Amino acid sequence: MQAIQAATSTAAKVLGPLGADLGAIAPGKYADIIAVDGDPTSDVAVLEHVDFVMKAGVVYRQDGRPVTR
């Protein structure tokens, strides 16, 4: 869990004032979200197989193209 936090919320805090808007999933914040099939706190290897990616409110496929709506 510490490694996951280091790459996400802790990394956002290091950015100083910008960190106030990063590293959290909440209204008005900037968050990129991924979903995996499994619990990365039990098996970090599940992060190697990302099933869902959202960046800046847009859902992307693994190939990086936006999903057609």
PDB file of N, CA and C in Angstrom:
ATOM      1  N   MET A   1       0.822  -1.182   0.000  1.00  0.00           N
ATOM      2  CA  MET A   1       0.000   0.000   0.000  1.00  0.00           C
ATOM      3  C   MET A   1       0.869   1.250   0.000  1.00  0.00           C
ATOM      4  N   GLN A   2       2.000   1.199   0.683  1.00  0.00           N
ATOM      5  CA  GLN A   2       2.890   2.361   0.706  1.00  0.00           C
ATOM      6  C   GLN A   2       3.421   2.697  -0.684  1.00  0.00           C
ATOM      7  N   ALA A   3       3.705   1.686  -1.486  1.00  0.00           N
ATOM      8  CA  ALA A   3       4.193   1.938  -2.848  1.00  0.00           C
ATOM      9  C   ALA A   3       3.110   2.577  -3.702  1.00  0.00           C
ATOM     10  N   ILE A   4       1.875   2.127  -3.544  1.00  0.00           N
ATOM     11  CA  ILE A   4       0.764   2.700  -4.307  1.00  0.00           C
ATOM     12  C   ILE A   4       0.549   4.152  -3.881  1.00  0.00           C
ATOM     13  N   GLN A   5       0.576   4.424  -2.587  1.00  0.00           N
ATOM     14  CA  GLN A   5       0.417   5.792  -2.106  1.00  0.00           C
ATOM     15  C   GLN A   5       1.567   6.684  -2.561  1.00  0.00           C
ATOM     16  N   ALA A   6       2.776   6.147  -2.597  1.00  0.00           N
ATOM     17  CA  ALA A   6       3.925   6.935  -3.037  1.00  0.00           C
ATOM     18  C   ALA A   6       3.767   7.390  -4.477  1.00  0.00           C
ATOM     19  N   ALA A   7       3.124   6.565  -5.284  1.00  0.00           N
ATOM     20  CA  ALA A   7       2.933   6.895  -6.698  1.00  0.00           C
ATOM     21  C   ALA A   7       1.700   7.762  -6.947  1.00  0.00           C
ATOM     22  N   THR A   8       0.868   7.959  -5.936  1.00  0.00           N
ATOM     23  CA  THR A   8      -0.390   8.693  -6.138  1.00  0.00           C
ATOM     24  C   THR A   8      -0.499   9.868  -5.175  1.00  0.00           C
ATOM     25  N   SER A   9      -1.148   9.680  -4.051  1.00  0.00           N
ATOM     26  CA  SER A   9      -1.439  10.797  -3.150  1.00  0.00           C
ATOM     27  C   SER A   9      -0.181  11.442  -2.567  1.00  0.00           C
ATOM     28  N   THR A  10       0.830  10.647  -2.217  1.00  0.00           N
ATOM     29  CA  THR A  10       2.062  11.229  -1.682  1.00  0.00           C
ATOM     30  C   THR A  10       2.782  12.035  -2.752  1.00  0.00           C
ATOM     31  N   ALA A  11       2.800  11.536  -3.975  1.00  0.00           N
ATOM     32  CA  ALA A  11       3.417  12.273  -5.082  1.00  0.00           C
ATOM     33  C   ALA A  11       2.704  13.605  -5.308  1.00  0.00           C
ATOM     34  N   ALA A  12       1.395  13.626  -5.163  1.00  0.00           N
ATOM     35  CA  ALA A  12       0.633  14.868  -5.325  1.00  0.00           C
ATOM     36  C   ALA A  12       1.023  15.886  -4.259  1.00  0.00           C
ATOM     37  N   LYS A  13       1.229  15.439  -3.035  1.00  0.00           N
ATOM     38  CA  LYS A  13       1.599  16.355  -1.942  1.00  0.00           C
ATOM     39  C   LYS A  13       2.946  17.011  -2.195  1.00  0.00           C
ATOM     40  N   VAL A  14       3.861  16.304  -2.836  1.00  0.00           N
ATOM     41  CA  VAL A  14       5.191  16.835  -3.112  1.00  0.00           C
ATOM     42  C   VAL A  14       5.126  18.026  -4.081  1.00  0.00           C
ATOM     43  N   LEU A  15       4.065  18.130  -4.838  1.00  0.00           N
ATOM     44  CA  LEU A  15       3.927  19.216  -5.813  1.00  0.00           C
ATOM     45  C   LEU A  15       3.520  20.542  -5.184  1.00  0.00           C
ATOM     46  N   GLY A  16       3.445  20.594  -3.876  1.00  0.00           N
ATOM     47  CA  GLY A  16       3.134  21.844  -3.182  1.00  0.00           C
ATOM     48  C   GLY A  16       1.722  22.304  -3.443  1.00  0.00           C
ATOM     49  N   PRO A  17       1.541  23.577  -3.810  1.00  0.00           N
ATOM     50  CA  PRO A  17       0.188  24.126  -4.005  1.00  0.00           C
ATOM     51  C   PRO A  17      -0.646  23.352  -5.030  1.00  0.00           C
ATOM     52  N   LEU A  18      -0.007  22.821  -6.048  1.00  0.00           N
ATOM     53  CA  LEU A  18      -0.740  22.035  -7.047  1.00  0.00           C
ATOM     54  C   LEU A  18      -1.334  20.772  -6.427  1.00  0.00           C
ATOM     55  N   GLY A  19      -0.689  20.239  -5.417  1.00  0.00           N
ATOM     56  CA  GLY A  19      -1.130  19.017  -4.781  1.00  0.00           C
ATOM     57  C   GLY A  19      -2.501  19.117  -4.148  1.00  0.00           C
ATOM     58  N   ALA A  20      -2.959  20.322  -3.865  1.00  0.00           N
ATOM     59  CA  ALA A  20      -4.291  20.505  -3.275  1.00  0.00           C
ATOM     60  C   ALA A  20      -5.389  20.041  -4.227  1.00  0.00           C
ATOM     61  N   ASP A  21      -5.122  20.068  -5.530  1.00  0.00           N
ATOM     62  CA  ASP A  21      -6.113  19.661  -6.529  1.00  0.00           C
ATOM     63  C   ASP A  21      -5.838  18.277  -7.110  1.00  0.00           C
ATOM     64  N   LEU A  22      -4.776  17.623  -6.656  1.00  0.00           N
ATOM     65  CA  LEU A  22      -4.371  16.335  -7.209  1.00  0.00           C
ATOM     66  C   LEU A  22      -4.382  15.251  -6.137  1.00  0.00           C
ATOM     67  N   GLY A  23      -4.388  14.007  -6.578  1.00  0.00           N
ATOM     68  CA  GLY A  23      -4.194  12.898  -5.666  1.00  0.00           C
ATOM     69  C   GLY A  23      -5.416  12.494  -4.867  1.00  0.00           C
ATOM     70  N   ALA A  24      -6.585  13.003  -5.250  1.00  0.00           N
ATOM     71  CA  ALA A  24      -7.817  12.637  -4.551  1.00  0.00           C
ATOM     72  C   ALA A  24      -8.955  12.522  -5.558  1.00  0.00           C
ATOM     73  N   ILE A  25      -9.878  11.635  -5.275  1.00  0.00           N
ATOM     74  CA  ILE A  25     -11.070  11.500  -6.106  1.00  0.00           C
ATOM     75  C   ILE A  25     -12.198  12.212  -5.362  1.00  0.00           C
ATOM     76  N   ALA A  26     -12.495  13.427  -5.825  1.00  0.00           N
ATOM     77  CA  ALA A  26     -13.526  14.255  -5.187  1.00  0.00           C
ATOM     78  C   ALA A  26     -13.952  15.334  -6.164  1.00  0.00           C
ATOM     79  N   PRO A  27     -15.157  15.891  -5.996  1.00  0.00           N
ATOM     80  CA  PRO A  27     -15.611  16.953  -6.889  1.00  0.00           C
ATOM     81  C   PRO A  27     -14.615  18.115  -6.914  1.00  0.00           C
ATOM     82  N   GLY A  28     -14.327  18.595  -8.115  1.00  0.00           N
ATOM     83  CA  GLY A  28     -13.422  19.723  -8.283  1.00  0.00           C
ATOM     84  C   GLY A  28     -11.951  19.368  -8.280  1.00  0.00           C
ATOM     85  N   LYS A  29     -11.611  18.120  -8.064  1.00  0.00           N
ATOM     86  CA  LYS A  29     -10.212  17.685  -8.059  1.00  0.00           C
ATOM     87  C   LYS A  29      -9.853  17.084  -9.410  1.00  0.00           C
ATOM     88  N   TYR A  30      -8.562  17.031  -9.695  1.00  0.00           N
ATOM     89  CA  TYR A  30      -8.071  16.371 -10.899  1.00  0.00           C
ATOM     90  C   TYR A  30      -7.641  14.966 -10.497  1.00  0.00           C
ATOM     91  N   ALA A  31      -8.246  13.973 -11.108  1.00  0.00           N
ATOM     92  CA  ALA A  31      -7.876  12.602 -10.761  1.00  0.00           C
ATOM     93  C   ALA A  31      -7.898  11.745 -12.018  1.00  0.00           C
ATOM     94  N   ASP A  32      -6.878  10.963 -12.189  1.00  0.00           N
ATOM     95  CA  ASP A  32      -6.852   9.933 -13.216  1.00  0.00           C
ATOM     96  C   ASP A  32      -7.131   8.628 -12.488  1.00  0.00           C
ATOM     97  N   ILE A  33      -8.037   7.836 -13.029  1.00  0.00           N
ATOM     98  CA  ILE A  33      -8.498   6.643 -12.338  1.00  0.00           C
ATOM     99  C   ILE A  33      -8.234   5.416 -13.192  1.00  0.00           C
ATOM    100  N   ILE A  34      -7.781   4.348 -12.563  1.00  0.00           N
ATOM    101  CA  ILE A  34      -7.661   3.059 -13.244  1.00  0.00           C
ATOM    102  C   ILE A  34      -8.449   2.032 -12.447  1.00  0.00           C
ATOM    103  N   ALA A  35      -8.824   0.955 -13.116  1.00  0.00           N
ATOM    104  CA  ALA A  35      -9.474  -0.172 -12.443  1.00  0.00           C
ATOM    105  C   ALA A  35      -8.788  -1.451 -12.887  1.00  0.00           C
ATOM    106  N   VAL A  36      -8.607  -2.332 -11.929  1.00  0.00           N
ATOM    107  CA  VAL A  36      -7.986  -3.631 -12.189  1.00  0.00           C
ATOM    108  C   VAL A  36      -8.867  -4.725 -11.603  1.00  0.00           C
ATOM    109  N   ASP A  37      -8.675  -5.929 -12.089  1.00  0.00           N
ATOM    110  CA  ASP A  37      -9.435  -7.077 -11.611  1.00  0.00           C
ATOM    111  C   ASP A  37      -8.663  -7.727 -10.472  1.00  0.00           C
ATOM    112  N   GLY A  38      -8.854  -7.227  -9.278  1.00  0.00           N
ATOM    113  CA  GLY A  38      -8.156  -7.773  -8.120  1.00  0.00           C
ATOM    114  C   GLY A  38      -7.847  -6.683  -7.119  1.00  0.00           C
ATOM    115  N   ASP A  39      -7.197  -7.061  -6.055  1.00  0.00           N
ATOM    116  CA  ASP A  39      -6.861  -6.159  -4.971  1.00  0.00           C
ATOM    117  C   ASP A  39      -5.360  -5.867  -4.991  1.00  0.00           C
ATOM    118  N   PRO A  40      -4.961  -4.678  -5.455  1.00  0.00           N
ATOM    119  CA  PRO A  40      -3.531  -4.383  -5.548  1.00  0.00           C
ATOM    120  C   PRO A  40      -2.834  -4.300  -4.191  1.00  0.00           C
ATOM    121  N   THR A  41      -3.592  -4.154  -3.101  1.00  0.00           N
ATOM    122  CA  THR A  41      -2.952  -4.157  -1.788  1.00  0.00           C
ATOM    123  C   THR A  41      -2.570  -5.571  -1.352  1.00  0.00           C
ATOM    124  N   SER A  42      -3.186  -6.564  -1.982  1.00  0.00           N
ATOM    125  CA  SER A  42      -2.831  -7.957  -1.709  1.00  0.00           C
ATOM    126  C   SER A  42      -1.849  -8.511  -2.727  1.00  0.00           C
ATOM    127  N   ASP A  43      -1.962  -8.030  -3.982  1.00  0.00           N
ATOM    128  CA  ASP A  43      -1.108  -8.516  -5.072  1.00  0.00           C
ATOM    129  C   ASP A  43      -0.848  -7.361  -6.035  1.00  0.00           C
ATOM    130  N   VAL A  44       0.269  -6.688  -5.854  1.00  0.00           N
ATOM    131  CA  VAL A  44       0.586  -5.511  -6.664  1.00  0.00           C
ATOM    132  C   VAL A  44       0.686  -5.852  -8.155  1.00  0.00           C
ATOM    133  N   ALA A  45       0.886  -7.115  -8.503  1.00  0.00           N
ATOM    134  CA  ALA A  45       0.997  -7.527  -9.905  1.00  0.00           C
ATOM    135  C   ALA A  45      -0.287  -7.273 -10.694  1.00  0.00           C
ATOM    136  N   VAL A  46      -1.445  -7.148 -10.012  1.00  0.00           N
ATOM    137  CA  VAL A  46      -2.684  -6.874 -10.758  1.00  0.00           C
ATOM    138  C   VAL A  46      -2.621  -5.521 -11.443  1.00  0.00           C
ATOM    139  N   LEU A  47      -1.725  -4.630 -10.990  1.00  0.00           N
ATOM    140  CA  LEU A  47      -1.577  -3.319 -11.634  1.00  0.00           C
ATOM    141  C   LEU A  47      -0.933  -3.422 -13.014  1.00  0.00           C
ATOM    142  N   GLU A  48      -0.412  -4.587 -13.359  1.00  0.00           N
ATOM    143  CA  GLU A  48       0.160  -4.797 -14.684  1.00  0.00           C
ATOM    144  C   GLU A  48      -0.916  -5.029 -15.741  1.00  0.00           C
ATOM    145  N   HIS A  49      -2.155  -5.248 -15.317  1.00  0.00           N
ATOM    146  CA  HIS A  49      -3.251  -5.550 -16.244  1.00  0.00           C
ATOM    147  C   HIS A  49      -4.421  -4.615 -15.954  1.00  0.00           C
ATOM    148  N   VAL A  50      -4.342  -3.411 -16.502  1.00  0.00           N
ATOM    149  CA  VAL A  50      -5.346  -2.383 -16.245  1.00  0.00           C
ATOM    150  C   VAL A  50      -6.535  -2.595 -17.172  1.00  0.00           C
ATOM    151  N   ASP A  51      -7.736  -2.642 -16.585  1.00  0.00           N
ATOM    152  CA  ASP A  51      -8.959  -2.879 -17.356  1.00  0.00           C
ATOM    153  C   ASP A  51      -9.684  -1.595 -17.748  1.00  0.00           C
ATOM    154  N   PHE A  52      -9.454  -0.509 -17.026  1.00  0.00           N
ATOM    155  CA  PHE A  52     -10.211   0.725 -17.224  1.00  0.00           C
ATOM    156  C   PHE A  52      -9.297   1.899 -16.923  1.00  0.00           C
ATOM    157  N   VAL A  53      -9.373   2.935 -17.769  1.00  0.00           N
ATOM    158  CA  VAL A  53      -8.593   4.149 -17.543  1.00  0.00           C
ATOM    159  C   VAL A  53      -9.488   5.360 -17.780  1.00  0.00           C
ATOM    160  N   MET A  54      -9.503   6.288 -16.807  1.00  0.00           N
ATOM    161  CA  MET A  54     -10.178   7.574 -16.987  1.00  0.00           C
ATOM    162  C   MET A  54      -9.155   8.662 -16.702  1.00  0.00           C
ATOM    163  N   LYS A  55      -9.031   9.600 -17.639  1.00  0.00           N
ATOM    164  CA  LYS A  55      -8.103  10.719 -17.487  1.00  0.00           C
ATOM    165  C   LYS A  55      -8.858  11.994 -17.792  1.00  0.00           C
ATOM    166  N   ALA A  56      -8.836  12.916 -16.861  1.00  0.00           N
ATOM    167  CA  ALA A  56      -9.506  14.208 -17.025  1.00  0.00           C
ATOM    168  C   ALA A  56     -10.976  14.034 -17.400  1.00  0.00           C
ATOM    169  N   GLY A  57     -11.626  13.033 -16.832  1.00  0.00           N
ATOM    170  CA  GLY A  57     -13.050  12.823 -17.061  1.00  0.00           C
ATOM    171  C   GLY A  57     -13.403  12.093 -18.342  1.00  0.00           C
ATOM    172  N   VAL A  58     -12.400  11.681 -19.115  1.00  0.00           N
ATOM    173  CA  VAL A  58     -12.637  10.954 -20.359  1.00  0.00           C
ATOM    174  C   VAL A  58     -12.220   9.499 -20.164  1.00  0.00           C
ATOM    175  N   VAL A  59     -13.098   8.563 -20.525  1.00  0.00           N
ATOM    176  CA  VAL A  59     -12.784   7.146 -20.427  1.00  0.00           C
ATOM    177  C   VAL A  59     -11.985   6.741 -21.661  1.00  0.00           C
ATOM    178  N   TYR A  60     -10.842   6.087 -21.435  1.00  0.00           N
ATOM    179  CA  TYR A  60      -9.966   5.632 -22.506  1.00  0.00           C
ATOM    180  C   TYR A  60      -9.870   4.120 -22.506  1.00  0.00           C
ATOM    181  N   ARG A  61      -9.654   3.587 -23.672  1.00  0.00           N
ATOM    182  CA  ARG A  61      -9.324   2.161 -23.782  1.00  0.00           C
ATOM    183  C   ARG A  61      -7.838   2.005 -23.450  1.00  0.00           C
ATOM    184  N   GLN A  62      -7.381   0.759 -23.399  1.00  0.00           N
ATOM    185  CA  GLN A  62      -5.959   0.535 -23.141  1.00  0.00           C
ATOM    186  C   GLN A  62      -5.086   1.016 -24.293  1.00  0.00           C
ATOM    187  N   ASP A  63      -5.672   1.119 -25.478  1.00  0.00           N
ATOM    188  CA  ASP A  63      -4.867   1.585 -26.609  1.00  0.00           C
ATOM    189  C   ASP A  63      -4.777   3.112 -26.650  1.00  0.00           C
ATOM    190  N   GLY A  64      -5.414   3.786 -25.688  1.00  0.00           N
ATOM    191  CA  GLY A  64      -5.293   5.233 -25.583  1.00  0.00           C
ATOM    192  C   GLY A  64      -6.328   6.034 -26.335  1.00  0.00           C
ATOM    193  N   ARG A  65      -7.204   5.376 -27.105  1.00  0.00           N
ATOM    194  CA  ARG A  65      -8.227   6.124 -27.843  1.00  0.00           C
ATOM    195  C   ARG A  65      -9.464   6.310 -26.970  1.00  0.00           C
ATOM    196  N   PRO A  66     -10.094   7.504 -27.042  1.00  0.00           N
ATOM    197  CA  PRO A  66     -11.321   7.698 -26.266  1.00  0.00           C
ATOM    198  C   PRO A  66     -12.418   6.737 -26.717  1.00  0.00           C
ATOM    199  N   VAL A  67     -13.241   6.312 -25.788  1.00  0.00           N
ATOM    200  CA  VAL A  67     -14.373   5.460 -26.105  1.00  0.00           C
ATOM    201  C   VAL A  67     -15.412   6.296 -26.829  1.00  0.00           C
ATOM    202  N   THR A  68     -15.962   5.782 -27.919  1.00  0.00           N
ATOM    203  CA  THR A  68     -16.997   6.494 -28.679  1.00  0.00           C
ATOM    204  C   THR A  68     -18.272   6.547 -27.865  1.00  0.00           C
ATOM    205  N   ARG A  69     -18.841   7.742 -27.786  1.00  0.00           N
ATOM    206  CA  ARG A  69     -20.085   7.907 -27.017  1.00  0.00           C
ATOM    207  C   ARG A  69     -21.230   8.199 -27.929  1.00  0.00           C
TER     208      ARG A  69
END
